[in-house]
Amino acid sequence: MRIRYSPIRFLVAAFVAAAILPAAATAFTLQDVEGKTHSLANLRGKWVVVNFWATWCAPCIKEIPDLAAFAKANQGNAVVLGIALDYDEPNSVKSFARKAGMTYPLILGEGQTEKQFGKVKGLPTTLVYDPSGKQVFSKTGTVTRGQLEGLMKNSGMTGA
């Protein structure tokens, strides 16, 4: 029996695999508004939550307190990075983030951010990397502290 190569079957299989398998780690390096550098390599051993948001996005603003509570409760095991997109004035974003309760690092998204992560298709979007640096979760829409803690607990990995 000879198996025939079918480009269409190959493409369908590739799309299915991409949809159900976690994405490979994106080796990113980002600088926050305080000048501190955050890279996936340097955060190895911790859970890393990357959250894309904007000041005009009501669901984004709604999830900031939950993300801040998650970051505080899991300080030794997890890091949350908030990447602001679609903004005009950096100082107004910083002020807005502080007033909204963002206590985790704020990064101002720009061209380099898109090169490292690709185009974000909707807001909010959250990516989660496990302690080994593998992306294990991606969601467009709000996330909660409970969802993130459940993800950590169900993986069997606790972090640092």
C-alpha atoms as a PDB file:
ATOM      1  CA  MET A   1       0.000   0.000   0.000  1.00  0.00           C
ATOM      2  CA  ARG A   2       1.402   3.322  -1.035  1.00  0.00           C
ATOM      3  CA  ILE A   3       0.521   6.516   0.840  1.00  0.00           C
ATOM      4  CA  ARG A   4      -0.025   9.472  -1.431  1.00  0.00           C
ATOM      5  CA  TYR A   5       1.156  12.901  -0.388  1.00  0.00           C
ATOM      6  CA  SER A   6      -1.700  15.373  -0.382  1.00  0.00           C
ATOM      7  CA  PRO A   7      -0.901  19.076   0.103  1.00  0.00           C
ATOM      8  CA  ILE A   8      -4.450  19.744   1.267  1.00  0.00           C
ATOM      9  CA  ARG A   9      -4.307  16.983   3.904  1.00  0.00           C
ATOM     10  CA  PHE A  10      -0.951  18.291   5.053  1.00  0.00           C
ATOM     11  CA  LEU A  11      -2.314  21.834   5.445  1.00  0.00           C
ATOM     12  CA  VAL A  12      -5.422  20.622   7.275  1.00  0.00           C
ATOM     13  CA  ALA A  13      -3.249  18.562   9.645  1.00  0.00           C
ATOM     14  CA  ALA A  14      -0.967  21.560  10.247  1.00  0.00           C
ATOM     15  CA  PHE A  15      -3.920  23.842  11.072  1.00  0.00           C
ATOM     16  CA  VAL A  16      -5.432  21.264  13.431  1.00  0.00           C
ATOM     17  CA  ALA A  17      -2.099  20.756  15.188  1.00  0.00           C
ATOM     18  CA  ALA A  18      -1.615  24.519  15.536  1.00  0.00           C
ATOM     19  CA  ALA A  19      -5.070  24.888  17.030  1.00  0.00           C
ATOM     20  CA  ILE A  20      -4.729  22.171  19.672  1.00  0.00           C
ATOM     21  CA  LEU A  21      -1.031  22.157  20.539  1.00  0.00           C
ATOM     22  CA  PRO A  22       0.504  24.870  22.716  1.00  0.00           C
ATOM     23  CA  ALA A  23       2.686  27.293  20.806  1.00  0.00           C
ATOM     24  CA  ALA A  24       6.441  27.156  21.131  1.00  0.00           C
ATOM     25  CA  ALA A  25       7.938  29.682  23.484  1.00  0.00           C
ATOM     26  CA  THR A  26       8.440  33.120  22.061  1.00  0.00           C
ATOM     27  CA  ALA A  27      11.849  34.328  23.148  1.00  0.00           C
ATOM     28  CA  PHE A  28      10.928  37.854  24.146  1.00  0.00           C
ATOM     29  CA  THR A  29      12.777  40.709  25.786  1.00  0.00           C
ATOM     30  CA  LEU A  30      10.753  43.722  26.916  1.00  0.00           C
ATOM     31  CA  GLN A  31      11.544  46.902  28.814  1.00  0.00           C
ATOM     32  CA  ASP A  32       8.976  48.301  31.234  1.00  0.00           C
ATOM     33  CA  VAL A  33       8.258  51.979  31.900  1.00  0.00           C
ATOM     34  CA  GLU A  34      10.641  51.905  34.877  1.00  0.00           C
ATOM     35  CA  GLY A  35      13.513  50.800  32.626  1.00  0.00           C
ATOM     36  CA  LYS A  36      13.650  47.202  33.888  1.00  0.00           C
ATOM     37  CA  THR A  37      14.182  44.460  31.288  1.00  0.00           C
ATOM     38  CA  HIS A  38      11.989  41.343  31.327  1.00  0.00           C
ATOM     39  CA  SER A  39      12.904  38.348  29.171  1.00  0.00           C
ATOM     40  CA  LEU A  40      11.402  34.891  28.993  1.00  0.00           C
ATOM     41  CA  ALA A  41      14.881  33.406  29.486  1.00  0.00           C
ATOM     42  CA  ASN A  42      15.476  35.390  32.702  1.00  0.00           C
ATOM     43  CA  LEU A  43      12.038  34.456  34.032  1.00  0.00           C
ATOM     44  CA  ARG A  44      12.604  30.725  33.595  1.00  0.00           C
ATOM     45  CA  GLY A  45      11.391  28.869  36.672  1.00  0.00           C
ATOM     46  CA  LYS A  46       8.357  31.153  37.054  1.00  0.00           C
ATOM     47  CA  TRP A  47       4.960  31.297  35.428  1.00  0.00           C
ATOM     48  CA  VAL A  48       4.818  34.286  33.074  1.00  0.00           C
ATOM     49  CA  VAL A  49       1.524  35.972  32.226  1.00  0.00           C
ATOM     50  CA  VAL A  50       1.674  38.450  29.334  1.00  0.00           C
ATOM     51  CA  ASN A  51      -1.463  40.571  29.067  1.00  0.00           C
ATOM     52  CA  PHE A  52      -2.152  42.859  26.105  1.00  0.00           C
ATOM     53  CA  TRP A  53      -4.582  45.676  26.911  1.00  0.00           C
ATOM     54  CA  ALA A  54      -5.607  49.243  26.038  1.00  0.00           C
ATOM     55  CA  THR A  55      -7.021  52.157  28.023  1.00  0.00           C
ATOM     56  CA  TRP A  56     -10.176  52.278  25.869  1.00  0.00           C
ATOM     57  CA  CYS A  57     -10.909  48.537  26.321  1.00  0.00           C
ATOM     58  CA  ALA A  58     -13.538  48.037  29.050  1.00  0.00           C
ATOM     59  CA  PRO A  59     -12.896  44.259  29.474  1.00  0.00           C
ATOM     60  CA  CYS A  60      -9.155  44.999  29.766  1.00  0.00           C
ATOM     61  CA  ILE A  61      -9.742  47.476  32.571  1.00  0.00           C
ATOM     62  CA  LYS A  62     -12.129  45.077  34.299  1.00  0.00           C
ATOM     63  CA  GLU A  63      -9.455  42.363  34.546  1.00  0.00           C
ATOM     64  CA  ILE A  64      -6.616  44.561  35.870  1.00  0.00           C
ATOM     65  CA  PRO A  65      -7.575  44.123  39.570  1.00  0.00           C
ATOM     66  CA  ASP A  66      -7.729  40.311  39.143  1.00  0.00           C
ATOM     67  CA  LEU A  67      -4.342  40.267  37.403  1.00  0.00           C
ATOM     68  CA  ALA A  68      -2.885  42.460  40.171  1.00  0.00           C
ATOM     69  CA  ALA A  69      -4.322  40.150  42.849  1.00  0.00           C
ATOM     70  CA  PHE A  70      -2.923  37.109  41.029  1.00  0.00           C
ATOM     71  CA  ALA A  71       0.526  38.741  40.759  1.00  0.00           C
ATOM     72  CA  LYS A  72       0.548  39.643  44.462  1.00  0.00           C
ATOM     73  CA  ALA A  73      -0.692  36.232  45.658  1.00  0.00           C
ATOM     74  CA  ASN A  74       1.802  34.343  43.481  1.00  0.00           C
ATOM     75  CA  GLN A  75       4.750  36.717  43.786  1.00  0.00           C
ATOM     76  CA  GLY A  76       7.368  33.979  44.201  1.00  0.00           C
ATOM     77  CA  ASN A  77       6.007  31.732  41.445  1.00  0.00           C
ATOM     78  CA  ALA A  78       4.603  34.041  38.774  1.00  0.00           C
ATOM     79  CA  VAL A  79       5.143  37.337  36.997  1.00  0.00           C
ATOM     80  CA  VAL A  80       2.500  39.385  35.197  1.00  0.00           C
ATOM     81  CA  LEU A  81       3.529  41.784  32.431  1.00  0.00           C
ATOM     82  CA  GLY A  82       0.966  44.273  31.111  1.00  0.00           C
ATOM     83  CA  ILE A  83       1.574  45.443  27.548  1.00  0.00           C
ATOM     84  CA  ALA A  84      -0.376  48.582  26.621  1.00  0.00           C
ATOM     85  CA  LEU A  85      -1.335  48.826  22.948  1.00  0.00           C
ATOM     86  CA  ASP A  86      -2.958  51.558  20.873  1.00  0.00           C
ATOM     87  CA  TYR A  87      -2.093  54.575  22.989  1.00  0.00           C
ATOM     88  CA  ASP A  88      -1.209  58.205  22.231  1.00  0.00           C
ATOM     89  CA  GLU A  89       0.701  59.578  25.195  1.00  0.00           C
ATOM     90  CA  PRO A  90       2.971  57.315  27.317  1.00  0.00           C
ATOM     91  CA  ASN A  91       2.550  59.410  30.479  1.00  0.00           C
ATOM     92  CA  SER A  92      -1.244  59.210  30.275  1.00  0.00           C
ATOM     93  CA  VAL A  93      -1.030  55.400  29.945  1.00  0.00           C
ATOM     94  CA  LYS A  94       1.202  55.220  33.024  1.00  0.00           C
ATOM     95  CA  SER A  95      -1.186  57.396  35.014  1.00  0.00           C
ATOM     96  CA  PHE A  96      -4.214  55.440  33.815  1.00  0.00           C
ATOM     97  CA  ALA A  97      -2.601  52.082  34.695  1.00  0.00           C
ATOM     98  CA  ARG A  98      -1.762  53.271  38.199  1.00  0.00           C
ATOM     99  CA  LYS A  99      -5.335  54.542  38.769  1.00  0.00           C
ATOM    100  CA  ALA A 100      -6.787  51.260  37.421  1.00  0.00           C
ATOM    101  CA  GLY A 101      -4.820  49.321  40.056  1.00  0.00           C
ATOM    102  CA  MET A 102      -2.009  47.919  37.906  1.00  0.00           C
ATOM    103  CA  THR A 103       0.735  46.969  40.352  1.00  0.00           C
ATOM    104  CA  TYR A 104       2.643  44.711  37.951  1.00  0.00           C
ATOM    105  CA  PRO A 105       5.150  45.888  35.320  1.00  0.00           C
ATOM    106  CA  LEU A 106       3.753  48.074  32.536  1.00  0.00           C
ATOM    107  CA  ILE A 107       5.265  47.826  29.066  1.00  0.00           C
ATOM    108  CA  LEU A 108       4.382  50.224  26.280  1.00  0.00           C
ATOM    109  CA  GLY A 109       3.783  48.165  23.176  1.00  0.00           C
ATOM    110  CA  GLU A 110       5.371  49.308  19.948  1.00  0.00           C
ATOM    111  CA  GLY A 111       6.783  47.823  16.746  1.00  0.00           C
ATOM    112  CA  GLN A 112       9.302  45.650  18.615  1.00  0.00           C
ATOM    113  CA  THR A 113       6.516  44.109  20.668  1.00  0.00           C
ATOM    114  CA  GLU A 114       4.636  43.087  17.541  1.00  0.00           C
ATOM    115  CA  LYS A 115       7.824  41.617  16.043  1.00  0.00           C
ATOM    116  CA  GLN A 116       8.280  39.466  19.142  1.00  0.00           C
ATOM    117  CA  PHE A 117       4.670  38.336  19.650  1.00  0.00           C
ATOM    118  CA  GLY A 118       2.987  38.835  16.300  1.00  0.00           C
ATOM    119  CA  LYS A 119      -0.144  40.869  15.673  1.00  0.00           C
ATOM    120  CA  VAL A 120      -2.630  40.769  18.555  1.00  0.00           C
ATOM    121  CA  LYS A 121      -6.049  40.061  17.060  1.00  0.00           C
ATOM    122  CA  GLY A 122      -8.211  41.371  19.897  1.00  0.00           C
ATOM    123  CA  LEU A 123      -8.106  42.859  23.376  1.00  0.00           C
ATOM    124  CA  PRO A 124      -7.581  41.799  25.999  1.00  0.00           C
ATOM    125  CA  THR A 125      -5.285  38.947  24.984  1.00  0.00           C
ATOM    126  CA  THR A 126      -3.394  36.906  27.553  1.00  0.00           C
ATOM    127  CA  LEU A 127      -0.538  34.472  26.984  1.00  0.00           C
ATOM    128  CA  VAL A 128       0.747  32.196  29.746  1.00  0.00           C
ATOM    129  CA  TYR A 129       4.143  30.516  29.804  1.00  0.00           C
ATOM    130  CA  ASP A 130       4.922  27.687  32.217  1.00  0.00           C
ATOM    131  CA  PRO A 131       8.126  27.627  34.320  1.00  0.00           C
ATOM    132  CA  SER A 132       9.998  25.838  31.507  1.00  0.00           C
ATOM    133  CA  GLY A 133       9.191  28.719  29.129  1.00  0.00           C
ATOM    134  CA  LYS A 134       6.597  26.889  27.050  1.00  0.00           C
ATOM    135  CA  GLN A 135       3.437  28.770  26.076  1.00  0.00           C
ATOM    136  CA  VAL A 136       0.581  26.768  27.584  1.00  0.00           C
ATOM    137  CA  PHE A 137      -2.352  29.158  27.316  1.00  0.00           C
ATOM    138  CA  SER A 138      -3.620  31.866  25.011  1.00  0.00           C
ATOM    139  CA  LYS A 139      -6.939  33.650  25.273  1.00  0.00           C
ATOM    140  CA  THR A 140      -8.557  36.660  23.688  1.00  0.00           C
ATOM    141  CA  GLY A 141     -11.068  37.868  26.248  1.00  0.00           C
ATOM    142  CA  THR A 142     -10.909  38.447  29.984  1.00  0.00           C
ATOM    143  CA  VAL A 143      -9.110  36.132  32.366  1.00  0.00           C
ATOM    144  CA  THR A 144      -9.508  35.876  36.113  1.00  0.00           C
ATOM    145  CA  ARG A 145      -7.190  35.183  39.004  1.00  0.00           C
ATOM    146  CA  GLY A 146      -9.030  31.883  39.507  1.00  0.00           C
ATOM    147  CA  GLN A 147      -8.444  30.799  35.905  1.00  0.00           C
ATOM    148  CA  LEU A 148      -4.734  31.555  36.133  1.00  0.00           C
ATOM    149  CA  GLU A 149      -4.322  29.828  39.487  1.00  0.00           C
ATOM    150  CA  GLY A 150      -6.299  26.843  38.185  1.00  0.00           C
ATOM    151  CA  LEU A 151      -3.981  26.627  35.196  1.00  0.00           C
ATOM    152  CA  MET A 152      -0.973  26.558  37.521  1.00  0.00           C
ATOM    153  CA  LYS A 153      -2.539  23.984  39.840  1.00  0.00           C
ATOM    154  CA  ASN A 154      -3.738  21.665  37.049  1.00  0.00           C
ATOM    155  CA  SER A 155      -0.349  21.633  35.349  1.00  0.00           C
ATOM    156  CA  GLY A 156       1.402  20.099  38.343  1.00  0.00           C
ATOM    157  CA  MET A 157       4.157  22.747  38.027  1.00  0.00           C
ATOM    158  CA  THR A 158       4.454  25.322  40.749  1.00  0.00           C
ATOM    159  CA  GLY A 159       7.336  27.459  39.588  1.00  0.00           C
ATOM    160  CA  ALA A 160      10.404  28.732  41.431  1.00  0.00           C
END
